[in-house]
Protein backbone atom coordinates (compact mmCIF):
# COMPACT_ATOMS: atom_id res chain seq x y z
CA ASN A 1 0.00 0.00 0.00
CA GLU A 2 2.38 2.67 -1.19
CA LEU A 3 1.18 6.25 -1.31
CA LYS A 4 1.07 8.03 -4.62
CA PRO A 5 2.99 10.27 -4.79
CA PRO A 6 5.35 8.79 -2.20
CA VAL A 7 6.14 10.66 1.01
CA PHE A 8 9.43 12.56 0.80
CA PHE A 9 12.08 10.39 2.49
CA LYS A 10 13.04 13.05 5.04
CA GLU A 11 9.39 13.34 6.13
CA LYS A 12 8.56 9.61 6.44
CA ASP A 13 9.13 9.33 10.21
CA ASN A 14 7.15 12.48 10.98
CA PHE A 15 4.40 11.44 8.57
CA THR A 16 4.13 8.02 10.22
CA ARG A 17 3.90 9.58 13.70
CA GLN A 18 1.15 11.93 12.55
CA ILE A 19 -0.85 9.14 10.90
CA ARG A 20 -0.80 7.11 14.11
CA LEU A 21 -2.40 10.02 15.98
CA TRP A 22 -5.48 9.97 13.75
CA ASN A 23 -8.07 7.22 14.08
CA LEU A 24 -11.28 6.93 12.07
CA GLN A 25 -13.39 8.74 14.68
CA LYS A 26 -11.05 11.75 14.78
CA THR A 27 -10.85 11.86 11.01
CA GLU A 28 -14.64 11.80 10.69
CA ARG A 29 -14.93 14.59 13.28
CA VAL A 30 -12.47 16.76 11.35
CA LEU A 31 -14.34 16.19 8.09
CA THR A 32 -17.58 17.19 9.82
CA ILE A 33 -15.99 20.40 11.13
CA ILE A 34 -14.69 21.27 7.66
CA ASN A 35 -18.01 20.52 5.97
CA GLU A 36 -19.93 22.58 8.54
CA GLY A 37 -17.49 25.44 8.00
CA GLU A 38 -17.90 25.26 4.25
CA THR A 39 -21.68 25.46 4.64
CA GLU A 40 -21.38 28.46 6.98
CA ILE A 41 -19.07 30.28 4.55
CA LYS A 42 -21.46 29.69 1.65
CA LYS A 43 -24.31 31.13 3.73
CA SER A 44 -22.32 34.13 5.00
CA PRO A 45 -19.29 34.80 2.77
CA GLU A 46 -18.75 38.20 4.38
CA LEU A 47 -17.87 36.35 7.61
CA SER A 48 -15.47 33.93 5.92
CA LYS A 49 -12.34 35.07 7.80
CA ALA A 50 -14.04 34.70 11.17
CA ILE A 51 -15.51 31.34 10.18
CA VAL A 52 -12.13 30.03 9.02
CA GLY A 53 -10.60 31.19 12.31
CA ASN A 54 -13.28 29.27 14.17
CA ILE A 55 -12.65 26.20 12.01
CA VAL A 56 -8.93 26.32 12.79
CA LEU A 57 -9.65 26.51 16.53
CA ARG A 58 -12.08 23.59 16.31
CA LEU A 59 -9.61 21.52 14.28
CA THR A 60 -6.85 22.23 16.79
CA ALA A 61 -9.11 21.13 19.64
CA ALA A 62 -10.13 17.98 17.76
CA ALA A 63 -6.51 17.11 17.00
CA SER A 64 -5.45 17.44 20.63
CA LYS A 65 -8.11 15.01 21.94
């Protein structure tokens, strides 16, 4: 199961560590956050910067759990 394109050799160890931090539940949560944010931005594009900031905070919180 090789990735295409392959991970740069200097980044393989870091990439592997990061992948092990993410299980299916966390990944699904992150996708939900991103999809909700996209919907909010489409409804209120004038608030896009604030919405993106909120998304980043929510993603950071989700990643640290």
